[in-house]
């Protein structure tokens, strides 16, 4: 029996509707989708993320508090995904996450995502 190469991926788009998570096995010649999970954002988090699109007073502090909420939602989504697939966390090699865009300003040369930073 070949060793599995399990990877999870998380995507949350600019629509702010929620989180899509997938679990894939890359041990064969073709990736195999093992499970998928969708989790809607709580309305309060969605509203908070929308508020970060526009500069405000004390936004750095607010941004980091909201990033903590988002990390909790990402963790919950992965937990649900692994339960659906009957897979233990230590069987997953890595989790990829694009993050949630909160400010997209290509005319100024930057885009900011939450969920990709390290503190």
PDB file of N, CA and C in Angstrom:
ATOM      1  N   UNK A   1       0.849  -1.178   0.000  1.00  0.00           N
ATOM      2  CA  UNK A   1       0.000   0.000   0.000  1.00  0.00           C
ATOM      3  C   UNK A   1       0.892   1.238   0.000  1.00  0.00           C
ATOM      4  N   UNK A   2       0.611   2.168  -0.904  1.00  0.00           N
ATOM      5  CA  UNK A   2       1.436   3.369  -0.997  1.00  0.00           C
ATOM      6  C   UNK A   2       1.088   4.356   0.107  1.00  0.00           C
ATOM      7  N   UNK A   3       2.077   5.137   0.460  1.00  0.00           N
ATOM      8  CA  UNK A   3       1.885   6.157   1.494  1.00  0.00           C
ATOM      9  C   UNK A   3       1.059   7.308   0.925  1.00  0.00           C
ATOM     10  N   UNK A   4       0.084   7.753   1.694  1.00  0.00           N
ATOM     11  CA  UNK A   4      -0.743   8.861   1.229  1.00  0.00           C
ATOM     12  C   UNK A   4      -0.002  10.175   1.390  1.00  0.00           C
ATOM     13  N   UNK A   5      -0.307  11.070   0.528  1.00  0.00           N
ATOM     14  CA  UNK A   5       0.227  12.430   0.546  1.00  0.00           C
ATOM     15  C   UNK A   5      -0.985  13.348   0.619  1.00  0.00           C
ATOM     16  N   UNK A   6      -1.469  13.578   1.852  1.00  0.00           N
ATOM     17  CA  UNK A   6      -2.687  14.360   2.044  1.00  0.00           C
ATOM     18  C   UNK A   6      -2.362  15.832   2.255  1.00  0.00           C
ATOM     19  N   UNK A   7      -3.087  16.673   1.527  1.00  0.00           N
ATOM     20  CA  UNK A   7      -2.948  18.122   1.626  1.00  0.00           C
ATOM     21  C   UNK A   7      -4.337  18.735   1.687  1.00  0.00           C
ATOM     22  N   UNK A   8      -4.470  19.773   2.494  1.00  0.00           N
ATOM     23  CA  UNK A   8      -5.735  20.506   2.578  1.00  0.00           C
ATOM     24  C   UNK A   8      -5.527  21.893   1.995  1.00  0.00           C
ATOM     25  N   UNK A   9      -6.593  22.431   1.435  1.00  0.00           N
ATOM     26  CA  UNK A   9      -6.551  23.788   0.893  1.00  0.00           C
ATOM     27  C   UNK A   9      -7.766  24.559   1.358  1.00  0.00           C
ATOM     28  N   UNK A  10      -7.548  25.843   1.623  1.00  0.00           N
ATOM     29  CA  UNK A  10      -8.622  26.734   2.069  1.00  0.00           C
ATOM     30  C   UNK A  10      -8.684  27.923   1.123  1.00  0.00           C
ATOM     31  N   UNK A  11      -9.908  28.289   0.743  1.00  0.00           N
ATOM     32  CA  UNK A  11     -10.112  29.478  -0.084  1.00  0.00           C
ATOM     33  C   UNK A  11     -11.307  30.238   0.459  1.00  0.00           C
ATOM     34  N   UNK A  12     -11.130  31.520   0.643  1.00  0.00           N
ATOM     35  CA  UNK A  12     -12.253  32.395   0.992  1.00  0.00           C
ATOM     36  C   UNK A  12     -12.145  33.595   0.067  1.00  0.00           C
ATOM     37  N   UNK A  13     -13.147  33.788  -0.738  1.00  0.00           N
ATOM     38  CA  UNK A  13     -13.062  34.783  -1.795  1.00  0.00           C
ATOM     39  C   UNK A  13     -13.547  36.163  -1.405  1.00  0.00           C
ATOM     40  N   UNK A  14     -13.453  37.053  -2.366  1.00  0.00           N
ATOM     41  CA  UNK A  14     -13.843  38.442  -2.139  1.00  0.00           C
ATOM     42  C   UNK A  14     -15.341  38.609  -1.948  1.00  0.00           C
ATOM     43  N   UNK A  15     -16.128  37.593  -2.272  1.00  0.00           N
ATOM     44  CA  UNK A  15     -17.576  37.668  -2.058  1.00  0.00           C
ATOM     45  C   UNK A  15     -17.920  37.641  -0.574  1.00  0.00           C
ATOM     46  N   UNK A  16     -16.982  37.199   0.253  1.00  0.00           N
ATOM     47  CA  UNK A  16     -17.158  37.111   1.703  1.00  0.00           C
ATOM     48  C   UNK A  16     -18.328  36.218   2.110  1.00  0.00           C
ATOM     49  N   UNK A  17     -18.635  35.227   1.295  1.00  0.00           N
ATOM     50  CA  UNK A  17     -19.739  34.335   1.660  1.00  0.00           C
ATOM     51  C   UNK A  17     -19.295  33.251   2.627  1.00  0.00           C
ATOM     52  N   UNK A  18     -18.028  32.846   2.567  1.00  0.00           N
ATOM     53  CA  UNK A  18     -17.577  31.824   3.482  1.00  0.00           C
ATOM     54  C   UNK A  18     -16.277  31.188   3.059  1.00  0.00           C
ATOM     55  N   UNK A  19     -16.043  30.005   3.597  1.00  0.00           N
ATOM     56  CA  UNK A  19     -14.786  29.287   3.421  1.00  0.00           C
ATOM     57  C   UNK A  19     -15.058  27.984   2.676  1.00  0.00           C
ATOM     58  N   UNK A  20     -14.253  27.719   1.663  1.00  0.00           N
ATOM     59  CA  UNK A  20     -14.257  26.439   0.975  1.00  0.00           C
ATOM     60  C   UNK A  20     -12.970  25.724   1.356  1.00  0.00           C
ATOM     61  N   UNK A  21     -13.097  24.478   1.769  1.00  0.00           N
ATOM     62  CA  UNK A  21     -11.930  23.679   2.136  1.00  0.00           C
ATOM     63  C   UNK A  21     -11.993  22.349   1.402  1.00  0.00           C
ATOM     64  N   UNK A  22     -10.834  21.864   0.984  1.00  0.00           N
ATOM     65  CA  UNK A  22     -10.746  20.578   0.296  1.00  0.00           C
ATOM     66  C   UNK A  22      -9.609  19.761   0.892  1.00  0.00           C
ATOM     67  N   UNK A  23      -9.754  18.451   0.778  1.00  0.00           N
ATOM     68  CA  UNK A  23      -8.705  17.525   1.177  1.00  0.00           C
ATOM     69  C   UNK A  23      -8.379  16.669  -0.040  1.00  0.00           C
ATOM     70  N   UNK A  24      -7.109  16.665  -0.426  1.00  0.00           N
ATOM     71  CA  UNK A  24      -6.664  15.939  -1.611  1.00  0.00           C
ATOM     72  C   UNK A  24      -5.557  14.959  -1.258  1.00  0.00           C
ATOM     73  N   UNK A  25      -5.545  13.849  -1.988  1.00  0.00           N
ATOM     74  CA  UNK A  25      -4.475  12.864  -1.870  1.00  0.00           C
ATOM     75  C   UNK A  25      -3.638  12.950  -3.143  1.00  0.00           C
ATOM     76  N   UNK A  26      -2.371  13.299  -2.992  1.00  0.00           N
ATOM     77  CA  UNK A  26      -1.455  13.442  -4.128  1.00  0.00           C
ATOM     78  C   UNK A  26      -0.499  12.261  -4.245  1.00  0.00           C
ATOM     79  N   UNK A  27      -0.816  11.119  -3.632  1.00  0.00           N
ATOM     80  CA  UNK A  27       0.115   9.990  -3.654  1.00  0.00           C
ATOM     81  C   UNK A  27       0.145   9.263  -4.994  1.00  0.00           C
ATOM     82  N   UNK A  28      -0.903   9.377  -5.804  1.00  0.00           N
ATOM     83  CA  UNK A  28      -0.940   8.715  -7.105  1.00  0.00           C
ATOM     84  C   UNK A  28      -0.531   9.635  -8.230  1.00  0.00           C
ATOM     85  N   UNK A  29      -0.711   9.167  -9.427  1.00  0.00           N
ATOM     86  CA  UNK A  29      -0.343   9.976 -10.594  1.00  0.00           C
ATOM     87  C   UNK A  29      -1.333  11.114 -10.839  1.00  0.00           C
ATOM     88  N   UNK A  30      -2.531  10.971 -10.291  1.00  0.00           N
ATOM     89  CA  UNK A  30      -3.556  12.008 -10.406  1.00  0.00           C
ATOM     90  C   UNK A  30      -4.089  12.332  -9.013  1.00  0.00           C
ATOM     91  N   UNK A  31      -4.192  13.613  -8.661  1.00  0.00           N
ATOM     92  CA  UNK A  31      -4.742  13.963  -7.346  1.00  0.00           C
ATOM     93  C   UNK A  31      -6.168  13.427  -7.186  1.00  0.00           C
ATOM     94  N   UNK A  32      -6.508  13.004  -5.970  1.00  0.00           N
ATOM     95  CA  UNK A  32      -7.834  12.480  -5.671  1.00  0.00           C
ATOM     96  C   UNK A  32      -8.476  13.369  -4.605  1.00  0.00           C
ATOM     97  N   UNK A  33      -9.672  13.869  -4.910  1.00  0.00           N
ATOM     98  CA  UNK A  33     -10.430  14.658  -3.948  1.00  0.00           C
ATOM     99  C   UNK A  33     -11.057  13.704  -2.938  1.00  0.00           C
ATOM    100  N   UNK A  34     -10.673  13.860  -1.673  1.00  0.00           N
ATOM    101  CA  UNK A  34     -11.194  12.990  -0.619  1.00  0.00           C
ATOM    102  C   UNK A  34     -12.402  13.589   0.082  1.00  0.00           C
ATOM    103  N   UNK A  35     -12.410  14.906   0.218  1.00  0.00           N
ATOM    104  CA  UNK A  35     -13.522  15.564   0.911  1.00  0.00           C
ATOM    105  C   UNK A  35     -13.508  17.049   0.581  1.00  0.00           C
ATOM    106  N   UNK A  36     -14.677  17.646   0.726  1.00  0.00           N
ATOM    107  CA  UNK A  36     -14.800  19.098   0.572  1.00  0.00           C
ATOM    108  C   UNK A  36     -15.776  19.587   1.626  1.00  0.00           C
ATOM    109  N   UNK A  37     -15.613  20.849   1.997  1.00  0.00           N
ATOM    110  CA  UNK A  37     -16.451  21.425   3.041  1.00  0.00           C
ATOM    111  C   UNK A  37     -16.652  22.905   2.752  1.00  0.00           C
ATOM    112  N   UNK A  38     -17.876  23.366   2.903  1.00  0.00           N
ATOM    113  CA  UNK A  38     -18.181  24.795   2.804  1.00  0.00           C
ATOM    114  C   UNK A  38     -18.699  25.249   4.164  1.00  0.00           C
ATOM    115  N   UNK A  39     -18.227  26.404   4.595  1.00  0.00           N
ATOM    116  CA  UNK A  39     -18.654  26.972   5.875  1.00  0.00           C
ATOM    117  C   UNK A  39     -18.933  28.455   5.675  1.00  0.00           C
ATOM    118  N   UNK A  40     -20.166  28.845   5.876  1.00  0.00           N
ATOM    119  CA  UNK A  40     -20.540  30.255   5.735  1.00  0.00           C
ATOM    120  C   UNK A  40     -19.905  31.084   6.847  1.00  0.00           C
ATOM    121  N   UNK A  41     -19.572  32.318   6.516  1.00  0.00           N
ATOM    122  CA  UNK A  41     -19.081  33.233   7.548  1.00  0.00           C
ATOM    123  C   UNK A  41     -20.225  33.640   8.459  1.00  0.00           C
ATOM    124  N   UNK A  42     -19.965  33.758   9.748  1.00  0.00           N
ATOM    125  CA  UNK A  42     -20.953  34.385  10.630  1.00  0.00           C
ATOM    126  C   UNK A  42     -21.147  35.838  10.158  1.00  0.00           C
ATOM    127  N   UNK A  43     -22.367  36.338  10.223  1.00  0.00           N
ATOM    128  CA  UNK A  43     -22.649  37.692   9.738  1.00  0.00           C
ATOM    129  C   UNK A  43     -21.766  38.747  10.396  1.00  0.00           C
ATOM    130  N   UNK A  44     -21.506  38.618  11.694  1.00  0.00           N
ATOM    131  CA  UNK A  44     -20.678  39.607  12.391  1.00  0.00           C
ATOM    132  C   UNK A  44     -19.261  39.639  11.817  1.00  0.00           C
ATOM    133  N   UNK A  45     -18.694  38.464  11.495  1.00  0.00           N
ATOM    134  CA  UNK A  45     -17.360  38.418  10.910  1.00  0.00           C
ATOM    135  C   UNK A  45     -17.378  39.007   9.503  1.00  0.00           C
ATOM    136  N   UNK A  46     -18.383  38.652   8.742  1.00  0.00           N
ATOM    137  CA  UNK A  46     -18.508  39.206   7.386  1.00  0.00           C
ATOM    138  C   UNK A  46     -18.576  40.726   7.435  1.00  0.00           C
ATOM    139  N   UNK A  47     -19.373  41.275   8.333  1.00  0.00           N
ATOM    140  CA  UNK A  47     -19.490  42.731   8.478  1.00  0.00           C
ATOM    141  C   UNK A  47     -18.152  43.343   8.879  1.00  0.00           C
ATOM    142  N   UNK A  48     -17.449  42.696   9.802  1.00  0.00           N
ATOM    143  CA  UNK A  48     -16.147  43.201  10.237  1.00  0.00           C
ATOM    144  C   UNK A  48     -15.130  43.198   9.096  1.00  0.00           C
ATOM    145  N   UNK A  49     -15.136  42.134   8.302  1.00  0.00           N
ATOM    146  CA  UNK A  49     -14.229  42.065   7.156  1.00  0.00           C
ATOM    147  C   UNK A  49     -14.538  43.153   6.140  1.00  0.00           C
ATOM    148  N   UNK A  50     -15.804  43.397   5.903  1.00  0.00           N
ATOM    149  CA  UNK A  50     -16.189  44.469   4.975  1.00  0.00           C
ATOM    150  C   UNK A  50     -15.729  45.832   5.472  1.00  0.00           C
ATOM    151  N   UNK A  51     -15.811  46.054   6.768  1.00  0.00           N
ATOM    152  CA  UNK A  51     -15.385  47.331   7.338  1.00  0.00           C
ATOM    153  C   UNK A  51     -13.892  47.578   7.145  1.00  0.00           C
ATOM    154  N   UNK A  52     -13.103  46.511   7.030  1.00  0.00           N
ATOM    155  CA  UNK A  52     -11.662  46.662   6.852  1.00  0.00           C
ATOM    156  C   UNK A  52     -11.271  47.095   5.440  1.00  0.00           C
ATOM    157  N   UNK A  53     -12.216  47.115   4.523  1.00  0.00           N
ATOM    158  CA  UNK A  53     -11.920  47.559   3.161  1.00  0.00           C
ATOM    159  C   UNK A  53     -11.631  49.050   3.093  1.00  0.00           C
ATOM    160  N   UNK A  54     -12.040  49.782   4.110  1.00  0.00           N
ATOM    161  CA  UNK A  54     -11.893  51.238   4.123  1.00  0.00           C
ATOM    162  C   UNK A  54     -11.074  51.636   5.349  1.00  0.00           C
ATOM    163  N   UNK A  55     -10.074  52.515   5.174  1.00  0.00           N
ATOM    164  CA  UNK A  55      -9.260  52.940   6.321  1.00  0.00           C
ATOM    165  C   UNK A  55     -10.122  53.553   7.431  1.00  0.00           C
ATOM    166  N   UNK A  56      -9.789  53.195   8.676  1.00  0.00           N
ATOM    167  CA  UNK A  56     -10.486  53.743   9.844  1.00  0.00           C
ATOM    168  C   UNK A  56      -9.470  54.001  10.950  1.00  0.00           C
ATOM    169  N   UNK A  57      -9.930  54.618  11.990  1.00  0.00           N
ATOM    170  CA  UNK A  57      -9.079  54.844  13.148  1.00  0.00           C
ATOM    171  C   UNK A  57      -8.867  53.513  13.866  1.00  0.00           C
ATOM    172  N   UNK A  58      -7.651  53.278  14.333  1.00  0.00           N
ATOM    173  CA  UNK A  58      -7.300  52.083  15.087  1.00  0.00           C
ATOM    174  C   UNK A  58      -7.455  50.808  14.249  1.00  0.00           C
ATOM    175  N   UNK A  59      -7.283  50.912  12.942  1.00  0.00           N
ATOM    176  CA  UNK A  59      -7.532  49.756  12.077  1.00  0.00           C
ATOM    177  C   UNK A  59      -6.515  48.635  12.241  1.00  0.00           C
ATOM    178  N   UNK A  60      -5.284  48.931  12.626  1.00  0.00           N
ATOM    179  CA  UNK A  60      -4.307  47.864  12.818  1.00  0.00           C
ATOM    180  C   UNK A  60      -4.752  46.928  13.934  1.00  0.00           C
ATOM    181  N   UNK A  61      -5.163  47.485  15.052  1.00  0.00           N
ATOM    182  CA  UNK A  61      -5.650  46.681  16.174  1.00  0.00           C
ATOM    183  C   UNK A  61      -6.893  45.880  15.765  1.00  0.00           C
ATOM    184  N   UNK A  62      -7.840  46.535  15.127  1.00  0.00           N
ATOM    185  CA  UNK A  62      -9.062  45.858  14.686  1.00  0.00           C
ATOM    186  C   UNK A  62      -8.747  44.748  13.691  1.00  0.00           C
ATOM    187  N   UNK A  63      -7.820  45.017  12.785  1.00  0.00           N
ATOM    188  CA  UNK A  63      -7.440  44.020  11.780  1.00  0.00           C
ATOM    189  C   UNK A  63      -6.907  42.753  12.439  1.00  0.00           C
ATOM    190  N   UNK A  64      -6.060  42.919  13.444  1.00  0.00           N
ATOM    191  CA  UNK A  64      -5.477  41.739  14.084  1.00  0.00           C
ATOM    192  C   UNK A  64      -6.497  40.978  14.921  1.00  0.00           C
ATOM    193  N   UNK A  65      -7.429  41.676  15.537  1.00  0.00           N
ATOM    194  CA  UNK A  65      -8.504  40.988  16.256  1.00  0.00           C
ATOM    195  C   UNK A  65      -9.373  40.182  15.290  1.00  0.00           C
ATOM    196  N   UNK A  66      -9.678  40.769  14.154  1.00  0.00           N
ATOM    197  CA  UNK A  66     -10.493  40.076  13.144  1.00  0.00           C
ATOM    198  C   UNK A  66      -9.702  38.919  12.537  1.00  0.00           C
ATOM    199  N   UNK A  67      -8.390  39.082  12.376  1.00  0.00           N
ATOM    200  CA  UNK A  67      -7.556  37.983  11.873  1.00  0.00           C
ATOM    201  C   UNK A  67      -7.621  36.790  12.813  1.00  0.00           C
ATOM    202  N   UNK A  68      -7.676  37.041  14.111  1.00  0.00           N
ATOM    203  CA  UNK A  68      -7.809  35.951  15.078  1.00  0.00           C
ATOM    204  C   UNK A  68      -9.148  35.231  14.902  1.00  0.00           C
ATOM    205  N   UNK A  69     -10.218  35.981  14.696  1.00  0.00           N
ATOM    206  CA  UNK A  69     -11.534  35.367  14.443  1.00  0.00           C
ATOM    207  C   UNK A  69     -11.498  34.533  13.175  1.00  0.00           C
ATOM    208  N   UNK A  70     -10.879  35.066  12.146  1.00  0.00           N
ATOM    209  CA  UNK A  70     -10.789  34.364  10.871  1.00  0.00           C
ATOM    210  C   UNK A  70      -9.994  33.065  11.022  1.00  0.00           C
ATOM    211  N   UNK A  71      -8.897  33.111  11.764  1.00  0.00           N
ATOM    212  CA  UNK A  71      -8.096  31.903  11.997  1.00  0.00           C
ATOM    213  C   UNK A  71      -8.931  30.823  12.685  1.00  0.00           C
ATOM    214  N   UNK A  72      -9.769  31.242  13.635  1.00  0.00           N
ATOM    215  CA  UNK A  72     -10.654  30.294  14.309  1.00  0.00           C
ATOM    216  C   UNK A  72     -11.625  29.663  13.302  1.00  0.00           C
ATOM    217  N   UNK A  73     -12.180  30.464  12.410  1.00  0.00           N
ATOM    218  CA  UNK A  73     -13.098  29.938  11.390  1.00  0.00           C
ATOM    219  C   UNK A  73     -12.383  28.976  10.444  1.00  0.00           C
ATOM    220  N   UNK A  74     -11.147  29.324  10.041  1.00  0.00           N
ATOM    221  CA  UNK A  74     -10.370  28.424   9.183  1.00  0.00           C
ATOM    222  C   UNK A  74     -10.120  27.091   9.897  1.00  0.00           C
ATOM    223  N   UNK A  75      -9.750  27.156  11.172  1.00  0.00           N
ATOM    224  CA  UNK A  75      -9.494  25.932  11.944  1.00  0.00           C
ATOM    225  C   UNK A  75     -10.754  25.079  12.065  1.00  0.00           C
ATOM    226  N   UNK A  76     -11.888  25.725  12.285  1.00  0.00           N
ATOM    227  CA  UNK A  76     -13.157  25.004  12.378  1.00  0.00           C
ATOM    228  C   UNK A  76     -13.493  24.326  11.058  1.00  0.00           C
ATOM    229  N   UNK A  77     -13.243  25.020   9.954  1.00  0.00           N
ATOM    230  CA  UNK A  77     -13.504  24.447   8.627  1.00  0.00           C
ATOM    231  C   UNK A  77     -12.625  23.221   8.377  1.00  0.00           C
ATOM    232  N   UNK A  78     -11.351  23.310   8.734  1.00  0.00           N
ATOM    233  CA  UNK A  78     -10.444  22.170   8.547  1.00  0.00           C
ATOM    234  C   UNK A  78     -10.866  21.008   9.451  1.00  0.00           C
ATOM    235  N   UNK A  79     -11.239  21.308  10.667  1.00  0.00           N
ATOM    236  CA  UNK A  79     -11.702  20.260  11.584  1.00  0.00           C
ATOM    237  C   UNK A  79     -12.913  19.527  10.989  1.00  0.00           C
ATOM    238  N   UNK A  80     -13.874  20.264  10.483  1.00  0.00           N
ATOM    239  CA  UNK A  80     -15.066  19.662   9.870  1.00  0.00           C
ATOM    240  C   UNK A  80     -14.701  18.855   8.638  1.00  0.00           C
ATOM    241  N   UNK A  81     -13.774  19.368   7.835  1.00  0.00           N
ATOM    242  CA  UNK A  81     -13.314  18.663   6.636  1.00  0.00           C
ATOM    243  C   UNK A  81     -12.693  17.320   7.007  1.00  0.00           C
ATOM    244  N   UNK A  82     -11.823  17.327   7.998  1.00  0.00           N
ATOM    245  CA  UNK A  82     -11.155  16.084   8.402  1.00  0.00           C
ATOM    246  C   UNK A  82     -12.129  15.088   9.015  1.00  0.00           C
ATOM    247  N   UNK A  83     -13.100  15.581   9.761  1.00  0.00           N
ATOM    248  CA  UNK A  83     -14.133  14.685  10.297  1.00  0.00           C
ATOM    249  C   UNK A  83     -14.906  14.015   9.164  1.00  0.00           C
ATOM    250  N   UNK A  84     -15.258  14.786   8.146  1.00  0.00           N
ATOM    251  CA  UNK A  84     -16.013  14.238   7.011  1.00  0.00           C
ATOM    252  C   UNK A  84     -15.217  13.164   6.279  1.00  0.00           C
ATOM    253  N   UNK A  85     -13.900  13.333   6.234  1.00  0.00           N
ATOM    254  CA  UNK A  85     -13.043  12.376   5.531  1.00  0.00           C
ATOM    255  C   UNK A  85     -12.534  11.265   6.436  1.00  0.00           C
ATOM    256  N   UNK A  86     -12.836  11.345   7.741  1.00  0.00           N
ATOM    257  CA  UNK A  86     -12.328  10.383   8.721  1.00  0.00           C
ATOM    258  C   UNK A  86     -10.791  10.322   8.687  1.00  0.00           C
ATOM    259  N   UNK A  87     -10.201  11.526   8.671  1.00  0.00           N
ATOM    260  CA  UNK A  87      -8.741  11.656   8.612  1.00  0.00           C
ATOM    261  C   UNK A  87      -8.282  12.407   9.855  1.00  0.00           C
ATOM    262  N   UNK A  88      -7.163  11.971  10.426  1.00  0.00           N
ATOM    263  CA  UNK A  88      -6.591  12.651  11.596  1.00  0.00           C
ATOM    264  C   UNK A  88      -5.679  13.779  11.130  1.00  0.00           C
ATOM    265  N   UNK A  89      -5.596  14.817  11.929  1.00  0.00           N
ATOM    266  CA  UNK A  89      -4.796  15.995  11.574  1.00  0.00           C
ATOM    267  C   UNK A  89      -3.336  15.635  11.296  1.00  0.00           C
ATOM    268  N   UNK A  90      -2.782  14.675  12.049  1.00  0.00           N
ATOM    269  CA  UNK A  90      -1.372  14.338  11.842  1.00  0.00           C
ATOM    270  C   UNK A  90      -1.118  13.557  10.550  1.00  0.00           C
ATOM    271  N   UNK A  91      -2.178  13.215   9.826  1.00  0.00           N
ATOM    272  CA  UNK A  91      -2.030  12.555   8.530  1.00  0.00           C
ATOM    273  C   UNK A  91      -1.895  13.569   7.391  1.00  0.00           C
ATOM    274  N   UNK A  92      -2.161  14.835   7.670  1.00  0.00           N
ATOM    275  CA  UNK A  92      -2.115  15.885   6.649  1.00  0.00           C
ATOM    276  C   UNK A  92      -0.723  16.506   6.653  1.00  0.00           C
ATOM    277  N   UNK A  93      -0.095  16.522   5.475  1.00  0.00           N
ATOM    278  CA  UNK A  93       1.267  17.067   5.366  1.00  0.00           C
ATOM    279  C   UNK A  93       1.293  18.579   5.473  1.00  0.00           C
ATOM    280  N   UNK A  94       0.306  19.243   4.860  1.00  0.00           N
ATOM    281  CA  UNK A  94       0.308  20.712   4.869  1.00  0.00           C
ATOM    282  C   UNK A  94      -1.090  21.225   4.558  1.00  0.00           C
ATOM    283  N   UNK A  95      -1.316  22.458   4.988  1.00  0.00           N
ATOM    284  CA  UNK A  95      -2.560  23.164   4.683  1.00  0.00           C
ATOM    285  C   UNK A  95      -2.183  24.457   3.972  1.00  0.00           C
ATOM    286  N   UNK A  96      -2.752  24.664   2.811  1.00  0.00           N
ATOM    287  CA  UNK A  96      -2.513  25.906   2.072  1.00  0.00           C
ATOM    288  C   UNK A  96      -3.708  26.829   2.229  1.00  0.00           C
ATOM    289  N   UNK A  97      -3.414  28.101   2.436  1.00  0.00           N
ATOM    290  CA  UNK A  97      -4.493  29.076   2.625  1.00  0.00           C
ATOM    291  C   UNK A  97      -4.096  30.394   1.972  1.00  0.00           C
ATOM    292  N   UNK A  98      -4.892  30.840   1.030  1.00  0.00           N
ATOM    293  CA  UNK A  98      -4.643  32.106   0.345  1.00  0.00           C
ATOM    294  C   UNK A  98      -4.870  33.289   1.269  1.00  0.00           C
ATOM    295  N   UNK A  99      -5.798  33.154   2.173  1.00  0.00           N
ATOM    296  CA  UNK A  99      -6.163  34.262   3.062  1.00  0.00           C
ATOM    297  C   UNK A  99      -7.374  35.007   2.532  1.00  0.00           C
ATOM    298  N   UNK A 100      -7.861  35.907   3.334  1.00  0.00           N
ATOM    299  CA  UNK A 100      -9.038  36.707   2.971  1.00  0.00           C
ATOM    300  C   UNK A 100      -8.588  38.115   2.606  1.00  0.00           C
ATOM    301  N   UNK A 101      -8.852  38.524   1.379  1.00  0.00           N
ATOM    302  CA  UNK A 101      -8.490  39.875   0.949  1.00  0.00           C
ATOM    303  C   UNK A 101      -9.322  40.894   1.710  1.00  0.00           C
ATOM    304  N   UNK A 102      -8.635  41.862   2.296  1.00  0.00           N
ATOM    305  CA  UNK A 102      -9.346  42.939   3.004  1.00  0.00           C
ATOM    306  C   UNK A 102      -9.113  44.297   2.348  1.00  0.00           C
ATOM    307  N   UNK A 103      -8.032  44.402   1.591  1.00  0.00           N
ATOM    308  CA  UNK A 103      -7.782  45.665   0.903  1.00  0.00           C
ATOM    309  C   UNK A 103      -7.011  45.374  -0.375  1.00  0.00           C
ATOM    310  N   UNK A 104      -7.621  45.679  -1.514  1.00  0.00           N
ATOM    311  CA  UNK A 104      -7.017  45.446  -2.819  1.00  0.00           C
ATOM    312  C   UNK A 104      -6.837  46.791  -3.502  1.00  0.00           C
ATOM    313  N   UNK A 105      -5.584  47.218  -3.619  1.00  0.00           N
ATOM    314  CA  UNK A 105      -5.271  48.517  -4.213  1.00  0.00           C
ATOM    315  C   UNK A 105      -4.172  48.360  -5.267  1.00  0.00           C
ATOM    316  N   UNK A 106      -4.501  47.751  -6.405  1.00  0.00           N
ATOM    317  CA  UNK A 106      -3.469  47.543  -7.429  1.00  0.00           C
ATOM    318  C   UNK A 106      -2.879  48.856  -7.947  1.00  0.00           C
ATOM    319  N   UNK A 107      -3.667  49.917  -7.943  1.00  0.00           N
ATOM    320  CA  UNK A 107      -3.155  51.212  -8.405  1.00  0.00           C
ATOM    321  C   UNK A 107      -2.046  51.730  -7.492  1.00  0.00           C
ATOM    322  N   UNK A 108      -2.013  51.252  -6.252  1.00  0.00           N
ATOM    323  CA  UNK A 108      -0.961  51.625  -5.299  1.00  0.00           C
ATOM    324  C   UNK A 108       0.072  50.517  -5.140  1.00  0.00           C
ATOM    325  N   UNK A 109      -0.142  49.399  -5.828  1.00  0.00           N
ATOM    326  CA  UNK A 109       0.833  48.319  -5.833  1.00  0.00           C
ATOM    327  C   UNK A 109       0.740  47.333  -4.681  1.00  0.00           C
ATOM    328  N   UNK A 110      -0.443  47.202  -4.052  1.00  0.00           N
ATOM    329  CA  UNK A 110      -0.532  46.235  -2.957  1.00  0.00           C
ATOM    330  C   UNK A 110      -1.922  45.622  -2.834  1.00  0.00           C
ATOM    331  N   UNK A 111      -1.914  44.454  -2.195  1.00  0.00           N
ATOM    332  CA  UNK A 111      -3.114  43.751  -1.765  1.00  0.00           C
ATOM    333  C   UNK A 111      -2.807  43.185  -0.385  1.00  0.00           C
ATOM    334  N   UNK A 112      -3.774  43.251   0.528  1.00  0.00           N
ATOM    335  CA  UNK A 112      -3.580  42.746   1.886  1.00  0.00           C
ATOM    336  C   UNK A 112      -4.576  41.617   2.139  1.00  0.00           C
ATOM    337  N   UNK A 113      -4.044  40.473   2.613  1.00  0.00           N
ATOM    338  CA  UNK A 113      -4.876  39.339   2.988  1.00  0.00           C
ATOM    339  C   UNK A 113      -4.674  39.026   4.459  1.00  0.00           C
ATOM    340  N   UNK A 114      -5.758  38.673   5.120  1.00  0.00           N
ATOM    341  CA  UNK A 114      -5.683  38.146   6.480  1.00  0.00           C
ATOM    342  C   UNK A 114      -5.576  36.630   6.393  1.00  0.00           C
ATOM    343  N   UNK A 115      -4.922  36.049   7.366  1.00  0.00           N
ATOM    344  CA  UNK A 115      -4.798  34.595   7.399  1.00  0.00           C
ATOM    345  C   UNK A 115      -3.493  34.096   6.831  1.00  0.00           C
ATOM    346  N   UNK A 116      -2.654  35.003   6.368  1.00  0.00           N
ATOM    347  CA  UNK A 116      -1.368  34.616   5.788  1.00  0.00           C
ATOM    348  C   UNK A 116      -0.198  35.203   6.566  1.00  0.00           C
ATOM    349  N   UNK A 117      -0.503  35.991   7.570  1.00  0.00           N
ATOM    350  CA  UNK A 117       0.562  36.659   8.318  1.00  0.00           C
ATOM    351  C   UNK A 117       1.027  35.810   9.492  1.00  0.00           C
ATOM    352  N   UNK A 118       2.161  36.142  10.019  1.00  0.00           N
ATOM    353  CA  UNK A 118       2.740  35.431  11.163  1.00  0.00           C
ATOM    354  C   UNK A 118       2.939  36.438  12.285  1.00  0.00           C
ATOM    355  N   UNK A 119       2.485  36.105  13.483  1.00  0.00           N
ATOM    356  CA  UNK A 119       2.701  36.994  14.632  1.00  0.00           C
ATOM    357  C   UNK A 119       3.506  36.253  15.668  1.00  0.00           C
TER     358      UNK A 119
END
